[in-house]
Amino acid sequence: MRTRLRAVLAVLVVGGGLIMSLGPARSAAIPVAAIRACVGSGTLYVTPPTAGAPATWTIKGSGSCPIQLDGRPPETVSFAGTGTSDNLGLCSTTLLVTNLRLNVTATFQPVIGAPTTEQQVWSSPASLFPNATPFLISGPPSRLGAGVLLSRLLLDCTNNGTSPAANFAWVQNK
């Protein structure tokens, strides 16, 4: 629990910096009260790139969004997605992952009320893998956010045993 709290706080700082860095016009369009912070656990399966084909990523998980800055009650979240990148960073003999793009479906279930499902894109032009993979969140109509995927401790690049285990932390506007 303590690790998750640290991850949420780190993502809040990164997400707040992202929103602030977008300038006054964008910041005015995203009131602070519209921010949700989420943490989750699940799996990450990766396949290295082959000649002419990119690396593939598959994620699936669930968690909670305990911080709702607009005063609403916490939500649970389930998410799943697939995508590609040019490589797998240190798991494919390069330092950085390039052109990561995951198409993610996230379903948010408030304690009271109906669930909402969102189509999101988790992406990064240059990122790290394994261990901590930062990403940006976008989607219709004007979804913005940032997060980090934590996986493959000790540089284990396989999908065997406990290696597919992953933790996710992100902040986004509602």
C-alpha atoms as a PDB file:
ATOM      1  CA  MET A   1       0.000   0.000   0.000  1.00  0.00           C
ATOM      2  CA  ARG A   2       2.839   2.354   0.862  1.00  0.00           C
ATOM      3  CA  THR A   3       4.460   1.736  -2.548  1.00  0.00           C
ATOM      4  CA  ARG A   4       1.174   2.501  -4.308  1.00  0.00           C
ATOM      5  CA  LEU A   5       0.773   5.731  -2.367  1.00  0.00           C
ATOM      6  CA  ARG A   6       4.272   6.792  -3.393  1.00  0.00           C
ATOM      7  CA  ALA A   7       3.479   5.923  -7.016  1.00  0.00           C
ATOM      8  CA  VAL A   8       0.256   7.965  -6.913  1.00  0.00           C
ATOM      9  CA  LEU A   9       2.054  10.938  -5.409  1.00  0.00           C
ATOM     10  CA  ALA A  10       4.812  10.728  -8.033  1.00  0.00           C
ATOM     11  CA  VAL A  11       2.264  10.585 -10.838  1.00  0.00           C
ATOM     12  CA  LEU A  12       0.331  13.493  -9.325  1.00  0.00           C
ATOM     13  CA  VAL A  13       3.483  15.595  -9.433  1.00  0.00           C
ATOM     14  CA  VAL A  14       4.279  14.534 -13.010  1.00  0.00           C
ATOM     15  CA  GLY A  15       0.668  14.976 -14.146  1.00  0.00           C
ATOM     16  CA  GLY A  16       0.365  18.355 -12.485  1.00  0.00           C
ATOM     17  CA  GLY A  17       3.588  19.450 -14.150  1.00  0.00           C
ATOM     18  CA  LEU A  18       2.293  18.206 -17.508  1.00  0.00           C
ATOM     19  CA  ILE A  19      -0.926  20.176 -17.214  1.00  0.00           C
ATOM     20  CA  MET A  20       0.884  23.285 -15.976  1.00  0.00           C
ATOM     21  CA  SER A  21       3.422  23.055 -18.804  1.00  0.00           C
ATOM     22  CA  LEU A  22       0.691  23.133 -21.417  1.00  0.00           C
ATOM     23  CA  GLY A  23       0.272  26.827 -20.789  1.00  0.00           C
ATOM     24  CA  PRO A  24      -2.490  29.076 -19.505  1.00  0.00           C
ATOM     25  CA  ALA A  25      -4.933  28.391 -22.325  1.00  0.00           C
ATOM     26  CA  ARG A  26      -4.825  24.613 -21.822  1.00  0.00           C
ATOM     27  CA  SER A  27      -4.656  24.865 -18.029  1.00  0.00           C
ATOM     28  CA  ALA A  28      -7.789  27.002 -17.994  1.00  0.00           C
ATOM     29  CA  ALA A  29      -9.583  24.330 -20.013  1.00  0.00           C
ATOM     30  CA  ILE A  30      -8.712  21.651 -17.429  1.00  0.00           C
ATOM     31  CA  PRO A  31      -9.790  22.725 -13.968  1.00  0.00           C
ATOM     32  CA  VAL A  32      -7.836  21.065 -11.165  1.00  0.00           C
ATOM     33  CA  ALA A  33     -11.133  19.743  -9.796  1.00  0.00           C
ATOM     34  CA  ALA A  34     -11.426  17.489 -12.862  1.00  0.00           C
ATOM     35  CA  ILE A  35      -8.388  15.346 -12.017  1.00  0.00           C
ATOM     36  CA  ARG A  36      -8.499  11.668 -11.031  1.00  0.00           C
ATOM     37  CA  ALA A  37      -5.466   9.699  -9.795  1.00  0.00           C
ATOM     38  CA  CYS A  38      -5.407   5.925 -10.261  1.00  0.00           C
ATOM     39  CA  VAL A  39      -3.272   2.912  -9.383  1.00  0.00           C
ATOM     40  CA  GLY A  40      -3.636  -0.641 -10.583  1.00  0.00           C
ATOM     41  CA  SER A  41      -1.983  -4.004 -10.963  1.00  0.00           C
ATOM     42  CA  GLY A  42      -2.135  -6.520 -13.736  1.00  0.00           C
ATOM     43  CA  THR A  43      -0.104  -8.073 -16.497  1.00  0.00           C
ATOM     44  CA  LEU A  44       2.120  -6.922 -19.325  1.00  0.00           C
ATOM     45  CA  TYR A  45       3.067  -9.332 -22.096  1.00  0.00           C
ATOM     46  CA  VAL A  46       5.617  -8.182 -24.676  1.00  0.00           C
ATOM     47  CA  THR A  47       6.923  -9.747 -27.861  1.00  0.00           C
ATOM     48  CA  PRO A  48      10.238  -8.513 -29.265  1.00  0.00           C
ATOM     49  CA  PRO A  49      10.330  -6.970 -32.715  1.00  0.00           C
ATOM     50  CA  THR A  50      11.180  -9.159 -35.671  1.00  0.00           C
ATOM     51  CA  ALA A  51      12.391  -8.232 -39.139  1.00  0.00           C
ATOM     52  CA  GLY A  52       9.728  -5.908 -40.507  1.00  0.00           C
ATOM     53  CA  ALA A  53       7.386  -6.204 -37.485  1.00  0.00           C
ATOM     54  CA  PRO A  54       7.262  -4.010 -34.363  1.00  0.00           C
ATOM     55  CA  ALA A  55       7.343  -5.185 -30.766  1.00  0.00           C
ATOM     56  CA  THR A  56       3.872  -5.954 -29.415  1.00  0.00           C
ATOM     57  CA  TRP A  57       2.468  -5.101 -25.988  1.00  0.00           C
ATOM     58  CA  THR A  58      -0.639  -6.464 -24.228  1.00  0.00           C
ATOM     59  CA  ILE A  59      -1.786  -5.077 -20.871  1.00  0.00           C
ATOM     60  CA  LYS A  60      -4.664  -5.997 -18.598  1.00  0.00           C
ATOM     61  CA  GLY A  61      -5.381  -4.943 -15.040  1.00  0.00           C
ATOM     62  CA  SER A  62      -7.603  -3.402 -12.432  1.00  0.00           C
ATOM     63  CA  GLY A  63      -7.266  -1.047  -9.521  1.00  0.00           C
ATOM     64  CA  SER A  64      -8.719   2.036  -7.940  1.00  0.00           C
ATOM     65  CA  CYS A  65      -8.855   5.775  -8.332  1.00  0.00           C
ATOM     66  CA  PRO A  66      -8.811   6.764  -4.669  1.00  0.00           C
ATOM     67  CA  ILE A  67      -8.101  10.439  -5.305  1.00  0.00           C
ATOM     68  CA  GLN A  68     -10.906  12.475  -6.873  1.00  0.00           C
ATOM     69  CA  LEU A  69     -10.068  16.148  -6.587  1.00  0.00           C
ATOM     70  CA  ASP A  70     -13.666  17.169  -7.226  1.00  0.00           C
ATOM     71  CA  GLY A  71     -14.880  15.563  -3.978  1.00  0.00           C
ATOM     72  CA  ARG A  72     -16.585  12.586  -5.609  1.00  0.00           C
ATOM     73  CA  PRO A  73     -16.180   9.158  -4.000  1.00  0.00           C
ATOM     74  CA  PRO A  74     -13.401   6.812  -5.122  1.00  0.00           C
ATOM     75  CA  GLU A  75     -13.789   4.624  -8.197  1.00  0.00           C
ATOM     76  CA  THR A  76     -12.559   1.213  -9.229  1.00  0.00           C
ATOM     77  CA  VAL A  77     -11.028   0.826 -12.679  1.00  0.00           C
ATOM     78  CA  SER A  78     -10.433  -2.066 -15.041  1.00  0.00           C
ATOM     79  CA  PHE A  79      -8.344  -1.645 -18.177  1.00  0.00           C
ATOM     80  CA  ALA A  80      -7.007  -3.645 -21.094  1.00  0.00           C
ATOM     81  CA  GLY A  81      -5.120  -2.752 -24.217  1.00  0.00           C
ATOM     82  CA  THR A  82      -2.757  -3.720 -26.986  1.00  0.00           C
ATOM     83  CA  GLY A  83      -0.205  -1.860 -28.994  1.00  0.00           C
ATOM     84  CA  THR A  84       3.238  -1.662 -30.505  1.00  0.00           C
ATOM     85  CA  SER A  85       6.620  -0.004 -30.229  1.00  0.00           C
ATOM     86  CA  ASP A  86       9.665   0.024 -32.476  1.00  0.00           C
ATOM     87  CA  ASN A  87      11.670  -1.940 -29.889  1.00  0.00           C
ATOM     88  CA  LEU A  88      11.755  -2.996 -26.243  1.00  0.00           C
ATOM     89  CA  GLY A  89      14.545  -0.774 -24.966  1.00  0.00           C
ATOM     90  CA  LEU A  90      17.069  -2.748 -22.912  1.00  0.00           C
ATOM     91  CA  CYS A  91      15.185  -5.945 -23.763  1.00  0.00           C
ATOM     92  CA  SER A  92      16.069  -5.476 -27.431  1.00  0.00           C
ATOM     93  CA  THR A  93      19.603  -4.089 -27.083  1.00  0.00           C
ATOM     94  CA  THR A  94      18.654  -0.409 -27.309  1.00  0.00           C
ATOM     95  CA  LEU A  95      18.498   2.053 -24.467  1.00  0.00           C
ATOM     96  CA  LEU A  96      15.085   3.581 -25.209  1.00  0.00           C
ATOM     97  CA  VAL A  97      11.713   2.280 -26.321  1.00  0.00           C
ATOM     98  CA  THR A  98      10.579   4.361 -29.284  1.00  0.00           C
ATOM     99  CA  ASN A  99       7.076   5.052 -30.625  1.00  0.00           C
ATOM    100  CA  LEU A 100       5.150   3.231 -27.900  1.00  0.00           C
ATOM    101  CA  ARG A 101       1.404   3.336 -28.568  1.00  0.00           C
ATOM    102  CA  LEU A 102      -1.183   1.331 -26.606  1.00  0.00           C
ATOM    103  CA  ASN A 103      -4.912   1.484 -27.370  1.00  0.00           C
ATOM    104  CA  VAL A 104      -6.516   1.064 -23.946  1.00  0.00           C
ATOM    105  CA  THR A 105     -10.128   0.579 -22.883  1.00  0.00           C
ATOM    106  CA  ALA A 106     -10.670   1.747 -19.288  1.00  0.00           C
ATOM    107  CA  THR A 107     -13.908   1.249 -17.361  1.00  0.00           C
ATOM    108  CA  PHE A 108     -14.402   3.404 -14.265  1.00  0.00           C
ATOM    109  CA  GLN A 109     -16.983   2.247 -11.690  1.00  0.00           C
ATOM    110  CA  PRO A 110     -17.892   4.834  -9.058  1.00  0.00           C
ATOM    111  CA  VAL A 111     -19.012   3.651  -5.628  1.00  0.00           C
ATOM    112  CA  ILE A 112     -22.412   5.164  -6.460  1.00  0.00           C
ATOM    113  CA  GLY A 113     -23.655   5.414 -10.026  1.00  0.00           C
ATOM    114  CA  ALA A 114     -23.168   3.912 -13.436  1.00  0.00           C
ATOM    115  CA  PRO A 115     -19.790   2.927 -14.899  1.00  0.00           C
ATOM    116  CA  THR A 116     -18.159   4.884 -17.704  1.00  0.00           C
ATOM    117  CA  THR A 117     -15.947   3.381 -20.375  1.00  0.00           C
ATOM    118  CA  GLU A 118     -13.247   5.376 -22.131  1.00  0.00           C
ATOM    119  CA  GLN A 119     -11.055   4.682 -25.139  1.00  0.00           C
ATOM    120  CA  GLN A 120      -7.588   6.027 -24.389  1.00  0.00           C
ATOM    121  CA  VAL A 121      -4.171   6.045 -26.027  1.00  0.00           C
ATOM    122  CA  TRP A 122      -1.175   5.512 -23.749  1.00  0.00           C
ATOM    123  CA  SER A 123       1.891   6.579 -25.694  1.00  0.00           C
ATOM    124  CA  SER A 124       5.435   7.837 -25.599  1.00  0.00           C
ATOM    125  CA  PRO A 125       7.781   8.856 -28.410  1.00  0.00           C
ATOM    126  CA  ALA A 126      10.753   7.752 -26.283  1.00  0.00           C
ATOM    127  CA  SER A 127      10.544   5.817 -23.044  1.00  0.00           C
ATOM    128  CA  LEU A 128      12.262   3.209 -20.904  1.00  0.00           C
ATOM    129  CA  PHE A 129      11.696  -0.537 -20.585  1.00  0.00           C
ATOM    130  CA  PRO A 130      12.025  -2.583 -18.453  1.00  0.00           C
ATOM    131  CA  ASN A 131      11.468  -1.351 -14.882  1.00  0.00           C
ATOM    132  CA  ALA A 132       9.703   2.061 -15.237  1.00  0.00           C
ATOM    133  CA  THR A 133       7.989   3.078 -18.481  1.00  0.00           C
ATOM    134  CA  PRO A 134       6.480   6.598 -18.402  1.00  0.00           C
ATOM    135  CA  PHE A 135       3.622   7.388 -20.803  1.00  0.00           C
ATOM    136  CA  LEU A 136       1.186  10.139 -21.773  1.00  0.00           C
ATOM    137  CA  ILE A 137      -2.585   9.653 -21.986  1.00  0.00           C
ATOM    138  CA  SER A 138      -4.778  11.063 -24.736  1.00  0.00           C
ATOM    139  CA  GLY A 139      -8.229  10.343 -26.109  1.00  0.00           C
ATOM    140  CA  PRO A 140     -11.497  11.885 -27.144  1.00  0.00           C
ATOM    141  CA  PRO A 141     -12.748  14.452 -26.607  1.00  0.00           C
ATOM    142  CA  SER A 142      -9.842  16.121 -24.773  1.00  0.00           C
ATOM    143  CA  ARG A 143      -8.431  13.498 -22.427  1.00  0.00           C
ATOM    144  CA  LEU A 144      -4.995  14.377 -21.000  1.00  0.00           C
ATOM    145  CA  GLY A 145      -2.832  12.633 -18.471  1.00  0.00           C
ATOM    146  CA  ALA A 146       0.437  10.962 -17.598  1.00  0.00           C
ATOM    147  CA  GLY A 147       1.458   7.754 -15.931  1.00  0.00           C
ATOM    148  CA  VAL A 148       4.072   5.110 -15.346  1.00  0.00           C
ATOM    149  CA  LEU A 149       4.099   1.351 -15.908  1.00  0.00           C
ATOM    150  CA  LEU A 150       6.351  -0.567 -13.491  1.00  0.00           C
ATOM    151  CA  SER A 151       7.458  -4.040 -14.595  1.00  0.00           C
ATOM    152  CA  ARG A 152      10.260  -6.502 -15.207  1.00  0.00           C
ATOM    153  CA  LEU A 153      12.278  -5.849 -12.090  1.00  0.00           C
ATOM    154  CA  LEU A 154      15.903  -6.933 -12.289  1.00  0.00           C
ATOM    155  CA  LEU A 155      15.758  -6.560 -16.093  1.00  0.00           C
ATOM    156  CA  ASP A 156      13.875  -9.841 -16.631  1.00  0.00           C
ATOM    157  CA  CYS A 157      12.739  -9.529 -20.233  1.00  0.00           C
ATOM    158  CA  THR A 158      10.774 -12.792 -20.432  1.00  0.00           C
ATOM    159  CA  ASN A 159       7.021 -13.394 -20.089  1.00  0.00           C
ATOM    160  CA  ASN A 160       7.718 -16.405 -17.826  1.00  0.00           C
ATOM    161  CA  GLY A 161       6.831 -16.921 -14.179  1.00  0.00           C
ATOM    162  CA  THR A 162       6.020 -13.665 -12.392  1.00  0.00           C
ATOM    163  CA  SER A 163       7.578 -11.466 -15.081  1.00  0.00           C
ATOM    164  CA  PRO A 164       4.249 -10.463 -16.670  1.00  0.00           C
ATOM    165  CA  ALA A 165       3.234  -8.807 -13.367  1.00  0.00           C
ATOM    166  CA  ALA A 166       2.971  -5.036 -13.709  1.00  0.00           C
ATOM    167  CA  ASN A 167       1.861  -2.028 -11.690  1.00  0.00           C
ATOM    168  CA  PHE A 168       0.333   1.092 -13.204  1.00  0.00           C
ATOM    169  CA  ALA A 169      -0.126   4.596 -11.765  1.00  0.00           C
ATOM    170  CA  TRP A 170      -1.575   7.589 -13.620  1.00  0.00           C
ATOM    171  CA  VAL A 171      -3.417  10.863 -13.363  1.00  0.00           C
ATOM    172  CA  GLN A 172      -5.871  12.135 -15.940  1.00  0.00           C
ATOM    173  CA  ASN A 173      -8.594  14.652 -16.379  1.00  0.00           C
ATOM    174  CA  LYS A 174     -12.181  13.393 -16.243  1.00  0.00           C
END
